[in-house]
Amino acid sequence: MSEIKTSPTTAAISIALSAIQLTAANSNSIVDYVKRGSGNSENAIISLDSNAAPQSVNIFGISGSVLIKKLYAVMTNTTGLTTCTGAFFEIDDGGAQAALTLNDGDISGAGEGMLIMKTDIATATMTINNTLIATVSEAAVGQNLFQEFIVTQKASQPTYLRFTYATATDLSSLDIKMEVVVEYVQLSTGASIMPVGP
C-alpha cells in the first residue's frame, strides 16, 4: 500500500486553519488581527447638481466610533463642471458641523478621473490630482499619505460625512458624478459607515 505524503505547504495551511478555528473567539486572534488591519471599505456615488448655489451632500451615515484611515473621491463625470469652489469634506450631526478639510477646495474644470484626497489635518486644503496634467502626490518620510481621523456619532442623532461645495453654474441639468471611498476600522461595538441612499 502506497503512503500518502503531505507537502510542507499543505501542512502549513492546515496548521494555520486550525489556529484560526481555535482562536476565532479570542480578541487577539488571527481573524481579528486581519479584520483590524485591513479594516472595512465603503463607497458611494453622489451627484453634484446644485442650481448655482452652495450645496451639501450627505454621503455616508456614521454609527458609533470609527477610525477612518482613508478618505478620497474620484470624479467619474465632469462634463460642464466649469466652476466649483469652496469644496470640502465635513461631519454633520444635524446641528453642528466639523470640517475635515479646509473649505477652499477648487475643482473647477475638473478632468474626468480627478482624484480628491484628505492627506492633512482639517485646516489644510484637500489634495487634488487633476487628470488634465500628470500629477504626483507623495507623503513625507515616515508619514502616511492619507490623514487618519476618528469620528464619533452624536448620541441618538444621525451623523453624516458630507461634501460641501459652491458653484456659479447651474449643474441641475448636467450629470456630474463623484465616487467617494472610505476605509475604516470599528472602534466601538457595532460601529459602521454606510452609504446614504438616493
N, C-alpha and C. Protein backbone atom coordinates (compact mmCIF):
# COMPACT_ATOMS: atom_id res chain seq x y z
N MET A 1 0.86 -1.19 0.00
CA MET A 1 0.00 0.00 0.00
C MET A 1 0.90 1.24 0.00
N SER A 2 0.62 2.16 -0.93
CA SER A 2 1.45 3.35 -1.03
C SER A 2 1.12 4.33 0.09
N GLU A 3 2.10 5.08 0.50
CA GLU A 3 1.94 6.05 1.58
C GLU A 3 1.57 7.42 1.01
N ILE A 4 0.56 8.03 1.58
CA ILE A 4 0.16 9.37 1.14
C ILE A 4 1.01 10.39 1.90
N LYS A 5 1.73 11.20 1.15
CA LYS A 5 2.60 12.17 1.76
C LYS A 5 1.99 13.57 1.69
N THR A 6 2.17 14.34 2.74
CA THR A 6 1.66 15.70 2.80
C THR A 6 2.80 16.68 2.56
N SER A 7 2.60 17.59 1.60
CA SER A 7 3.65 18.55 1.29
C SER A 7 3.78 19.55 2.44
N PRO A 8 4.95 20.18 2.59
CA PRO A 8 5.14 21.19 3.65
C PRO A 8 4.12 22.34 3.54
N THR A 9 3.78 22.70 2.29
CA THR A 9 2.81 23.80 2.09
C THR A 9 1.44 23.42 2.61
N THR A 10 1.00 22.21 2.26
CA THR A 10 -0.30 21.73 2.71
C THR A 10 -0.36 21.64 4.22
N ALA A 11 0.71 21.17 4.82
CA ALA A 11 0.77 21.05 6.28
C ALA A 11 0.69 22.42 6.94
N ALA A 12 1.38 23.40 6.36
CA ALA A 12 1.37 24.75 6.93
C ALA A 12 -0.01 25.36 6.86
N ILE A 13 -0.71 25.16 5.73
CA ILE A 13 -2.07 25.67 5.58
C ILE A 13 -2.99 25.04 6.60
N SER A 14 -2.84 23.72 6.80
CA SER A 14 -3.67 23.00 7.75
C SER A 14 -3.48 23.53 9.16
N ILE A 15 -2.23 23.79 9.53
CA ILE A 15 -1.92 24.32 10.86
C ILE A 15 -2.52 25.71 11.03
N ALA A 16 -2.39 26.54 9.99
CA ALA A 16 -2.91 27.90 10.06
C ALA A 16 -4.43 27.90 10.21
N LEU A 17 -5.11 27.04 9.45
CA LEU A 17 -6.57 26.95 9.55
C LEU A 17 -6.99 26.49 10.92
N SER A 18 -6.26 25.52 11.47
CA SER A 18 -6.58 25.04 12.82
C SER A 18 -6.42 26.16 13.83
N ALA A 19 -5.37 26.97 13.67
CA ALA A 19 -5.14 28.08 14.60
C ALA A 19 -6.26 29.09 14.53
N ILE A 20 -6.74 29.38 13.32
CA ILE A 20 -7.84 30.33 13.15
C ILE A 20 -9.09 29.82 13.83
N GLN A 21 -9.39 28.52 13.64
CA GLN A 21 -10.59 27.95 14.24
C GLN A 21 -10.51 27.95 15.76
N LEU A 22 -9.33 27.66 16.30
CA LEU A 22 -9.18 27.57 17.75
C LEU A 22 -9.19 28.94 18.42
N THR A 23 -8.79 29.97 17.68
CA THR A 23 -8.65 31.29 18.31
C THR A 23 -9.67 32.30 17.80
N ALA A 24 -10.68 31.84 17.06
CA ALA A 24 -11.64 32.77 16.47
C ALA A 24 -12.36 33.61 17.51
N ALA A 25 -12.52 33.07 18.73
CA ALA A 25 -13.24 33.81 19.76
C ALA A 25 -12.33 34.72 20.57
N ASN A 26 -11.02 34.64 20.33
CA ASN A 26 -10.04 35.43 21.05
C ASN A 26 -9.93 36.82 20.43
N SER A 27 -9.98 37.88 21.24
CA SER A 27 -9.94 39.24 20.69
C SER A 27 -8.62 39.55 19.99
N ASN A 28 -7.59 38.76 20.23
CA ASN A 28 -6.31 38.95 19.55
C ASN A 28 -6.00 37.80 18.60
N SER A 29 -7.05 37.16 18.10
CA SER A 29 -6.86 36.04 17.19
C SER A 29 -6.40 36.52 15.82
N ILE A 30 -6.01 35.58 14.98
CA ILE A 30 -5.59 35.91 13.61
C ILE A 30 -6.75 36.56 12.86
N VAL A 31 -7.95 36.05 13.06
CA VAL A 31 -9.13 36.60 12.39
C VAL A 31 -9.32 38.06 12.76
N ASP A 32 -9.27 38.35 14.05
CA ASP A 32 -9.47 39.73 14.49
C ASP A 32 -8.31 40.64 14.07
N TYR A 33 -7.10 40.10 14.07
CA TYR A 33 -5.95 40.90 13.65
C TYR A 33 -6.11 41.32 12.19
N VAL A 34 -6.50 40.38 11.35
CA VAL A 34 -6.69 40.69 9.92
C VAL A 34 -7.82 41.69 9.76
N LYS A 35 -8.89 41.50 10.52
CA LYS A 35 -10.03 42.42 10.41
C LYS A 35 -9.62 43.84 10.80
N ARG A 36 -8.86 43.96 11.89
CA ARG A 36 -8.43 45.29 12.32
C ARG A 36 -7.44 45.89 11.34
N GLY A 37 -6.54 45.05 10.82
CA GLY A 37 -5.50 45.56 9.94
C GLY A 37 -6.03 46.07 8.62
N SER A 38 -6.90 45.30 7.98
CA SER A 38 -7.40 45.69 6.67
C SER A 38 -8.59 46.63 6.77
N GLY A 39 -9.33 46.54 7.87
CA GLY A 39 -10.48 47.41 8.06
C GLY A 39 -11.60 47.10 7.09
N ASN A 40 -12.51 48.06 6.97
CA ASN A 40 -13.66 47.93 6.09
C ASN A 40 -13.61 49.04 5.05
N SER A 41 -14.26 48.81 3.93
CA SER A 41 -14.29 49.81 2.87
C SER A 41 -15.72 50.00 2.39
N GLU A 42 -16.11 51.26 2.19
CA GLU A 42 -17.42 51.58 1.64
C GLU A 42 -17.24 52.65 0.56
N ASN A 43 -18.07 52.58 -0.46
CA ASN A 43 -18.03 53.61 -1.49
C ASN A 43 -19.45 54.03 -1.84
N ALA A 44 -19.58 55.27 -2.31
CA ALA A 44 -20.88 55.81 -2.69
C ALA A 44 -20.68 56.78 -3.84
N ILE A 45 -21.62 56.80 -4.75
CA ILE A 45 -21.58 57.73 -5.88
C ILE A 45 -22.60 58.82 -5.62
N ILE A 46 -22.14 60.08 -5.66
CA ILE A 46 -23.04 61.21 -5.43
C ILE A 46 -23.10 62.08 -6.67
N SER A 47 -24.17 62.86 -6.76
CA SER A 47 -24.34 63.81 -7.87
C SER A 47 -24.11 65.23 -7.36
N LEU A 48 -23.42 66.02 -8.13
CA LEU A 48 -23.27 67.44 -7.85
C LEU A 48 -24.25 68.16 -8.77
N ASP A 49 -25.40 68.52 -8.24
CA ASP A 49 -26.47 69.05 -9.09
C ASP A 49 -27.05 70.37 -8.57
N SER A 50 -26.19 71.16 -7.94
CA SER A 50 -26.63 72.44 -7.41
C SER A 50 -27.10 73.38 -8.52
N ASN A 51 -28.12 74.18 -8.20
CA ASN A 51 -28.62 75.19 -9.13
C ASN A 51 -27.93 76.53 -8.82
N ALA A 52 -26.62 76.58 -9.13
CA ALA A 52 -25.82 77.79 -8.95
C ALA A 52 -25.87 78.33 -7.52
N ALA A 53 -25.77 77.44 -6.54
CA ALA A 53 -25.80 77.85 -5.13
C ALA A 53 -24.98 76.85 -4.32
N PRO A 54 -24.52 77.26 -3.13
CA PRO A 54 -23.80 76.31 -2.28
C PRO A 54 -24.68 75.10 -1.95
N GLN A 55 -24.06 73.94 -1.85
CA GLN A 55 -24.82 72.72 -1.57
C GLN A 55 -23.99 71.75 -0.74
N SER A 56 -24.66 71.05 0.17
CA SER A 56 -24.04 69.99 0.96
C SER A 56 -24.72 68.67 0.62
N VAL A 57 -23.92 67.64 0.39
CA VAL A 57 -24.45 66.33 0.01
C VAL A 57 -24.02 65.30 1.05
N ASN A 58 -24.98 64.69 1.74
CA ASN A 58 -24.67 63.60 2.67
C ASN A 58 -24.21 62.38 1.88
N ILE A 59 -23.08 61.83 2.29
CA ILE A 59 -22.51 60.68 1.57
C ILE A 59 -22.64 59.39 2.37
N PHE A 60 -22.18 59.44 3.63
CA PHE A 60 -22.20 58.25 4.49
C PHE A 60 -22.83 58.59 5.83
N GLY A 61 -23.58 57.63 6.37
CA GLY A 61 -24.06 57.72 7.73
C GLY A 61 -23.09 56.99 8.65
N ILE A 62 -22.78 57.58 9.79
CA ILE A 62 -21.81 57.01 10.72
C ILE A 62 -22.49 56.61 12.02
N SER A 63 -22.25 55.38 12.44
CA SER A 63 -22.79 54.87 13.70
C SER A 63 -21.64 54.51 14.62
N GLY A 64 -21.73 54.90 15.90
CA GLY A 64 -20.69 54.57 16.86
C GLY A 64 -19.42 55.38 16.62
N SER A 65 -18.30 54.77 16.98
CA SER A 65 -16.99 55.42 16.80
C SER A 65 -16.17 54.63 15.79
N VAL A 66 -15.59 55.35 14.82
CA VAL A 66 -14.80 54.71 13.78
C VAL A 66 -13.50 55.47 13.56
N LEU A 67 -12.47 54.73 13.19
CA LEU A 67 -11.20 55.32 12.78
C LEU A 67 -11.18 55.28 11.26
N ILE A 68 -11.25 56.44 10.62
CA ILE A 68 -11.21 56.49 9.17
C ILE A 68 -9.76 56.62 8.73
N LYS A 69 -9.29 55.61 8.02
CA LYS A 69 -7.89 55.54 7.61
C LYS A 69 -7.64 56.22 6.27
N LYS A 70 -8.65 56.20 5.41
CA LYS A 70 -8.52 56.84 4.09
C LYS A 70 -9.85 57.45 3.70
N LEU A 71 -9.80 58.65 3.15
CA LEU A 71 -10.97 59.31 2.58
C LEU A 71 -10.54 59.93 1.26
N TYR A 72 -11.16 59.48 0.17
CA TYR A 72 -10.82 60.03 -1.13
C TYR A 72 -12.00 59.92 -2.08
N ALA A 73 -11.92 60.64 -3.19
CA ALA A 73 -13.01 60.63 -4.16
C ALA A 73 -12.44 60.71 -5.57
N VAL A 74 -13.19 60.17 -6.52
CA VAL A 74 -12.81 60.22 -7.92
C VAL A 74 -13.96 60.83 -8.71
N MET A 75 -13.67 61.85 -9.51
CA MET A 75 -14.69 62.45 -10.36
C MET A 75 -14.92 61.53 -11.55
N THR A 76 -16.11 60.97 -11.66
CA THR A 76 -16.38 60.00 -12.72
C THR A 76 -17.06 60.61 -13.94
N ASN A 77 -17.64 61.80 -13.79
CA ASN A 77 -18.20 62.53 -14.93
C ASN A 77 -18.11 64.01 -14.61
N THR A 78 -17.42 64.77 -15.44
CA THR A 78 -17.17 66.18 -15.14
C THR A 78 -17.62 67.13 -16.24
N THR A 79 -18.28 66.62 -17.26
CA THR A 79 -18.67 67.46 -18.39
C THR A 79 -19.56 68.62 -17.94
N GLY A 80 -19.11 69.85 -18.16
CA GLY A 80 -19.89 71.02 -17.79
C GLY A 80 -19.53 71.62 -16.44
N LEU A 81 -18.60 70.98 -15.71
CA LEU A 81 -18.22 71.50 -14.39
C LEU A 81 -17.18 72.60 -14.56
N THR A 82 -17.64 73.78 -14.95
CA THR A 82 -16.72 74.89 -15.24
C THR A 82 -16.27 75.61 -13.98
N THR A 83 -17.18 75.80 -13.03
CA THR A 83 -16.81 76.45 -11.77
C THR A 83 -17.32 75.64 -10.58
N CYS A 84 -16.42 75.33 -9.67
CA CYS A 84 -16.80 74.62 -8.45
C CYS A 84 -15.73 74.90 -7.41
N THR A 85 -16.03 75.78 -6.47
CA THR A 85 -15.06 76.21 -5.47
C THR A 85 -15.61 75.98 -4.07
N GLY A 86 -14.82 76.35 -3.08
CA GLY A 86 -15.26 76.19 -1.69
C GLY A 86 -15.61 74.75 -1.35
N ALA A 87 -14.91 73.80 -1.96
CA ALA A 87 -15.22 72.38 -1.77
C ALA A 87 -14.47 71.82 -0.57
N PHE A 88 -15.18 71.04 0.24
CA PHE A 88 -14.53 70.40 1.39
C PHE A 88 -15.40 69.27 1.93
N PHE A 89 -14.77 68.38 2.69
CA PHE A 89 -15.46 67.31 3.40
C PHE A 89 -15.71 67.76 4.83
N GLU A 90 -16.83 67.33 5.40
CA GLU A 90 -17.13 67.68 6.79
C GLU A 90 -18.04 66.63 7.42
N ILE A 91 -18.16 66.71 8.73
CA ILE A 91 -19.08 65.87 9.50
C ILE A 91 -20.25 66.74 9.93
N ASP A 92 -21.47 66.22 9.82
CA ASP A 92 -22.66 66.96 10.22
C ASP A 92 -23.55 66.07 11.08
N ASP A 93 -23.98 66.60 12.25
CA ASP A 93 -24.84 65.82 13.13
C ASP A 93 -26.26 66.40 13.22
N GLY A 94 -26.59 67.24 12.24
CA GLY A 94 -27.92 67.83 12.22
C GLY A 94 -28.01 69.15 12.94
N GLY A 95 -26.99 69.47 13.73
CA GLY A 95 -26.99 70.73 14.46
C GLY A 95 -25.65 71.44 14.41
N ALA A 96 -24.59 70.65 14.33
CA ALA A 96 -23.23 71.21 14.27
C ALA A 96 -22.43 70.50 13.19
N GLN A 97 -21.41 71.20 12.70
CA GLN A 97 -20.55 70.64 11.66
C GLN A 97 -19.10 70.69 12.12
N ALA A 98 -18.32 69.73 11.67
CA ALA A 98 -16.88 69.70 11.94
C ALA A 98 -16.17 69.45 10.62
N ALA A 99 -15.38 70.42 10.19
CA ALA A 99 -14.69 70.30 8.90
C ALA A 99 -13.63 69.21 8.96
N LEU A 100 -13.48 68.50 7.85
CA LEU A 100 -12.42 67.51 7.71
C LEU A 100 -11.29 68.02 6.83
N THR A 101 -11.63 68.97 5.95
CA THR A 101 -10.63 69.67 5.14
C THR A 101 -11.01 71.15 5.10
N LEU A 102 -10.07 72.00 4.71
CA LEU A 102 -10.35 73.43 4.64
C LEU A 102 -11.39 73.70 3.54
N ASN A 103 -12.23 74.72 3.76
CA ASN A 103 -13.34 74.98 2.83
C ASN A 103 -12.93 75.84 1.64
N ASP A 104 -11.82 75.45 1.00
CA ASP A 104 -11.34 76.23 -0.14
C ASP A 104 -10.91 75.37 -1.32
N GLY A 105 -11.38 74.12 -1.37
CA GLY A 105 -11.03 73.24 -2.48
C GLY A 105 -11.60 73.77 -3.79
N ASP A 106 -10.80 73.76 -4.86
CA ASP A 106 -11.22 74.26 -6.16
C ASP A 106 -11.14 73.13 -7.18
N ILE A 107 -12.29 72.63 -7.60
CA ILE A 107 -12.31 71.56 -8.60
C ILE A 107 -12.92 72.06 -9.91
N SER A 108 -12.84 73.37 -10.13
CA SER A 108 -13.33 73.95 -11.38
C SER A 108 -12.60 73.34 -12.57
N GLY A 109 -13.34 73.03 -13.61
CA GLY A 109 -12.73 72.46 -14.81
C GLY A 109 -12.10 71.11 -14.58
N ALA A 110 -12.62 70.36 -13.63
CA ALA A 110 -12.05 69.05 -13.29
C ALA A 110 -12.05 68.12 -14.49
N GLY A 111 -10.94 67.41 -14.65
CA GLY A 111 -10.88 66.38 -15.67
C GLY A 111 -11.50 65.10 -15.15
N GLU A 112 -12.08 64.31 -16.03
CA GLU A 112 -12.67 63.03 -15.60
C GLU A 112 -11.58 62.16 -15.00
N GLY A 113 -11.84 61.61 -13.82
CA GLY A 113 -10.84 60.80 -13.13
C GLY A 113 -10.05 61.59 -12.10
N MET A 114 -10.35 62.89 -11.96
CA MET A 114 -9.67 63.70 -10.93
C MET A 114 -9.76 63.01 -9.58
N LEU A 115 -8.66 63.00 -8.83
CA LEU A 115 -8.60 62.36 -7.52
C LEU A 115 -8.56 63.44 -6.44
N ILE A 116 -9.44 63.30 -5.45
CA ILE A 116 -9.51 64.23 -4.33
C ILE A 116 -9.23 63.44 -3.06
N MET A 117 -8.31 63.93 -2.21
CA MET A 117 -7.91 63.15 -1.03
C MET A 117 -7.78 64.03 0.21
N LYS A 118 -8.05 63.42 1.36
CA LYS A 118 -7.72 64.06 2.64
C LYS A 118 -6.34 63.54 3.05
N THR A 119 -5.34 64.40 2.94
CA THR A 119 -3.97 63.99 3.24
C THR A 119 -3.35 64.79 4.38
N ASP A 120 -4.15 65.67 4.99
CA ASP A 120 -3.60 66.54 6.03
C ASP A 120 -4.70 66.81 7.07
N ILE A 121 -4.37 67.65 8.06
CA ILE A 121 -5.34 67.96 9.11
C ILE A 121 -6.47 68.83 8.56
N ALA A 122 -7.50 69.03 9.38
CA ALA A 122 -8.72 69.68 8.93
C ALA A 122 -8.54 71.12 8.47
N THR A 123 -7.48 71.77 8.89
CA THR A 123 -7.25 73.17 8.50
C THR A 123 -6.46 73.28 7.20
N ALA A 124 -6.23 72.15 6.54
CA ALA A 124 -5.49 72.14 5.28
C ALA A 124 -6.43 71.82 4.11
N THR A 125 -6.11 72.38 2.96
CA THR A 125 -6.90 72.13 1.74
C THR A 125 -6.78 70.67 1.32
N MET A 126 -7.87 70.10 0.81
CA MET A 126 -7.82 68.74 0.27
C MET A 126 -6.78 68.66 -0.85
N THR A 127 -6.17 67.51 -1.00
CA THR A 127 -5.22 67.30 -2.09
C THR A 127 -5.98 66.94 -3.35
N ILE A 128 -5.66 67.62 -4.45
CA ILE A 128 -6.36 67.41 -5.71
C ILE A 128 -5.36 67.02 -6.79
N ASN A 129 -5.54 65.85 -7.37
CA ASN A 129 -4.74 65.40 -8.51
C ASN A 129 -5.62 65.48 -9.75
N ASN A 130 -5.43 66.52 -10.53
CA ASN A 130 -6.24 66.71 -11.73
C ASN A 130 -5.65 65.90 -12.88
N THR A 131 -6.52 65.32 -13.67
CA THR A 131 -6.05 64.50 -14.78
C THR A 131 -5.73 65.32 -16.02
N LEU A 132 -5.86 66.65 -15.93
CA LEU A 132 -5.50 67.49 -17.07
C LEU A 132 -3.99 67.50 -17.28
N ILE A 133 -3.25 67.18 -16.20
CA ILE A 133 -1.81 67.00 -16.28
C ILE A 133 -1.43 65.80 -15.41
N ALA A 134 -0.27 65.24 -15.65
CA ALA A 134 0.21 64.15 -14.79
C ALA A 134 0.54 64.74 -13.42
N THR A 135 0.06 64.09 -12.36
CA THR A 135 0.22 64.62 -11.01
C THR A 135 0.78 63.56 -10.07
N VAL A 136 1.68 63.97 -9.20
CA VAL A 136 2.26 63.06 -8.21
C VAL A 136 1.99 63.60 -6.82
N SER A 137 1.50 62.77 -5.93
CA SER A 137 1.35 63.12 -4.51
C SER A 137 2.21 62.16 -3.71
N GLU A 138 2.97 62.69 -2.78
CA GLU A 138 3.91 61.87 -2.03
C GLU A 138 3.92 62.28 -0.56
N ALA A 139 3.94 61.30 0.32
CA ALA A 139 3.99 61.58 1.75
C ALA A 139 5.40 61.93 2.18
N ALA A 140 5.49 62.69 3.26
CA ALA A 140 6.80 62.98 3.83
C ALA A 140 7.41 61.70 4.39
N VAL A 141 8.70 61.68 4.54
CA VAL A 141 9.40 60.49 5.04
C VAL A 141 8.83 60.09 6.40
N GLY A 142 8.48 58.81 6.54
CA GLY A 142 7.98 58.29 7.80
C GLY A 142 6.52 58.61 8.08
N GLN A 143 5.80 59.19 7.11
CA GLN A 143 4.41 59.52 7.32
C GLN A 143 3.53 58.82 6.29
N ASN A 144 2.24 58.68 6.63
CA ASN A 144 1.28 58.11 5.69
C ASN A 144 0.81 59.20 4.75
N LEU A 145 0.45 58.80 3.54
CA LEU A 145 -0.07 59.78 2.58
C LEU A 145 -1.44 60.28 3.01
N PHE A 146 -2.29 59.37 3.49
CA PHE A 146 -3.63 59.75 3.93
C PHE A 146 -3.62 60.13 5.41
N GLN A 147 -4.41 61.14 5.76
CA GLN A 147 -4.54 61.58 7.15
C GLN A 147 -5.67 60.82 7.83
N GLU A 148 -5.34 60.09 8.88
CA GLU A 148 -6.36 59.34 9.62
C GLU A 148 -7.07 60.25 10.62
N PHE A 149 -8.32 59.89 10.96
CA PHE A 149 -9.06 60.66 11.95
C PHE A 149 -10.17 59.79 12.53
N ILE A 150 -10.65 60.17 13.71
CA ILE A 150 -11.71 59.43 14.40
C ILE A 150 -12.99 60.25 14.41
N VAL A 151 -14.10 59.58 14.14
CA VAL A 151 -15.42 60.22 14.21
C VAL A 151 -16.28 59.43 15.18
N THR A 152 -16.96 60.14 16.06
CA THR A 152 -17.92 59.54 16.99
C THR A 152 -19.30 60.12 16.73
N GLN A 153 -20.26 59.26 16.53
CA GLN A 153 -21.63 59.69 16.26
C GLN A 153 -22.21 60.46 17.45
N LYS A 154 -22.99 61.51 17.17
CA LYS A 154 -23.72 62.20 18.22
C LYS A 154 -24.78 61.25 18.75
N ALA A 155 -24.92 61.16 20.07
CA ALA A 155 -25.84 60.21 20.70
C ALA A 155 -27.25 60.36 20.16
N SER A 156 -27.79 59.25 19.67
CA SER A 156 -29.18 59.16 19.21
C SER A 156 -29.51 60.13 18.08
N GLN A 157 -28.49 60.62 17.37
CA GLN A 157 -28.71 61.53 16.26
C GLN A 157 -27.99 61.04 15.01
N PRO A 158 -28.64 61.11 13.85
CA PRO A 158 -27.95 60.75 12.61
C PRO A 158 -26.72 61.64 12.42
N THR A 159 -25.60 61.02 12.10
CA THR A 159 -24.36 61.75 11.88
C THR A 159 -23.83 61.37 10.50
N TYR A 160 -23.48 62.39 9.72
CA TYR A 160 -23.12 62.15 8.32
C TYR A 160 -21.75 62.70 7.97
N LEU A 161 -21.08 62.00 7.06
CA LEU A 161 -19.92 62.53 6.39
C LEU A 161 -20.45 63.10 5.08
N ARG A 162 -20.17 64.38 4.81
CA ARG A 162 -20.75 65.00 3.63
C ARG A 162 -19.74 65.84 2.85
N PHE A 163 -20.14 66.19 1.62
CA PHE A 163 -19.30 67.01 0.74
C PHE A 163 -20.05 68.31 0.49
N THR A 164 -19.38 69.43 0.73
CA THR A 164 -19.98 70.74 0.54
C THR A 164 -19.19 71.51 -0.51
N TYR A 165 -19.90 72.23 -1.36
CA TYR A 165 -19.23 72.97 -2.44
C TYR A 165 -20.08 74.16 -2.86
N ALA A 166 -19.48 75.06 -3.64
CA ALA A 166 -20.19 76.21 -4.18
C ALA A 166 -19.93 76.28 -5.68
N THR A 167 -20.90 76.77 -6.42
CA THR A 167 -20.74 76.91 -7.87
C THR A 167 -21.61 78.04 -8.38
N ALA A 168 -21.13 78.71 -9.42
CA ALA A 168 -21.92 79.75 -10.07
C ALA A 168 -22.61 79.20 -11.31
N THR A 169 -22.43 77.90 -11.54
CA THR A 169 -23.01 77.24 -12.71
C THR A 169 -24.21 76.42 -12.30
N ASP A 170 -25.25 76.44 -13.12
CA ASP A 170 -26.42 75.58 -12.88
C ASP A 170 -26.06 74.16 -13.31
N LEU A 171 -25.87 73.29 -12.32
CA LEU A 171 -25.47 71.91 -12.59
C LEU A 171 -26.67 70.97 -12.65
N SER A 172 -27.87 71.49 -12.40
CA SER A 172 -29.04 70.63 -12.23
C SER A 172 -29.38 69.83 -13.49
N SER A 173 -29.02 70.34 -14.66
CA SER A 173 -29.34 69.63 -15.90
C SER A 173 -28.16 68.80 -16.40
N LEU A 174 -27.07 68.82 -15.64
CA LEU A 174 -25.89 68.06 -16.04
C LEU A 174 -25.86 66.73 -15.27
N ASP A 175 -24.81 65.98 -15.45
CA ASP A 175 -24.71 64.66 -14.80
C ASP A 175 -23.34 64.53 -14.14
N ILE A 176 -23.03 65.49 -13.27
CA ILE A 176 -21.73 65.50 -12.60
C ILE A 176 -21.74 64.44 -11.49
N LYS A 177 -20.80 63.52 -11.54
CA LYS A 177 -20.75 62.41 -10.58
C LYS A 177 -19.40 62.34 -9.88
N MET A 178 -19.46 61.92 -8.63
CA MET A 178 -18.25 61.71 -7.83
C MET A 178 -18.40 60.42 -7.04
N GLU A 179 -17.40 59.56 -7.11
CA GLU A 179 -17.39 58.34 -6.29
C GLU A 179 -16.50 58.57 -5.08
N VAL A 180 -17.07 58.42 -3.89
CA VAL A 180 -16.35 58.68 -2.65
C VAL A 180 -16.08 57.35 -1.94
N VAL A 181 -14.87 57.20 -1.43
CA VAL A 181 -14.46 55.95 -0.79
C VAL A 181 -13.92 56.24 0.60
N VAL A 182 -14.33 55.43 1.58
CA VAL A 182 -13.74 55.48 2.92
C VAL A 182 -13.24 54.08 3.29
N GLU A 183 -12.10 54.04 3.92
CA GLU A 183 -11.60 52.80 4.52
C GLU A 183 -11.50 53.06 6.02
N TYR A 184 -12.08 52.19 6.81
CA TYR A 184 -12.19 52.48 8.24
C TYR A 184 -12.09 51.23 9.10
N VAL A 185 -11.87 51.47 10.39
CA VAL A 185 -11.82 50.40 11.39
C VAL A 185 -12.84 50.72 12.47
N GLN A 186 -13.58 49.73 12.92
CA GLN A 186 -14.54 49.92 14.01
C GLN A 186 -13.81 50.09 15.33
N LEU A 187 -14.19 51.09 16.10
CA LEU A 187 -13.62 51.28 17.43
C LEU A 187 -14.60 50.89 18.53
N SER A 188 -15.89 51.03 18.26
CA SER A 188 -16.91 50.63 19.23
C SER A 188 -17.73 49.49 18.65
N THR A 189 -18.31 48.69 19.53
CA THR A 189 -19.10 47.55 19.10
C THR A 189 -20.26 47.99 18.22
N GLY A 190 -20.38 47.37 17.06
CA GLY A 190 -21.49 47.70 16.16
C GLY A 190 -21.28 48.95 15.33
N ALA A 191 -20.12 49.59 15.47
CA ALA A 191 -19.87 50.80 14.69
C ALA A 191 -19.84 50.48 13.20
N SER A 192 -20.28 51.46 12.40
CA SER A 192 -20.30 51.22 10.95
C SER A 192 -20.34 52.54 10.19
N ILE A 193 -20.02 52.46 8.92
CA ILE A 193 -20.21 53.55 7.97
C ILE A 193 -20.99 52.99 6.80
N MET A 194 -22.11 53.60 6.48
CA MET A 194 -22.96 53.08 5.41
C MET A 194 -23.32 54.22 4.45
N PRO A 195 -23.34 53.91 3.14
CA PRO A 195 -23.73 54.93 2.16
C PRO A 195 -25.16 55.41 2.41
N VAL A 196 -25.38 56.69 2.17
CA VAL A 196 -26.73 57.25 2.26
C VAL A 196 -27.45 56.92 0.97
N GLY A 197 -28.67 56.44 1.08
CA GLY A 197 -29.43 56.06 -0.10
C GLY A 197 -29.81 57.25 -0.94
N PRO A 198 -30.20 57.01 -2.22
CA PRO A 198 -30.58 58.10 -3.11
C PRO A 198 -31.84 58.80 -2.64
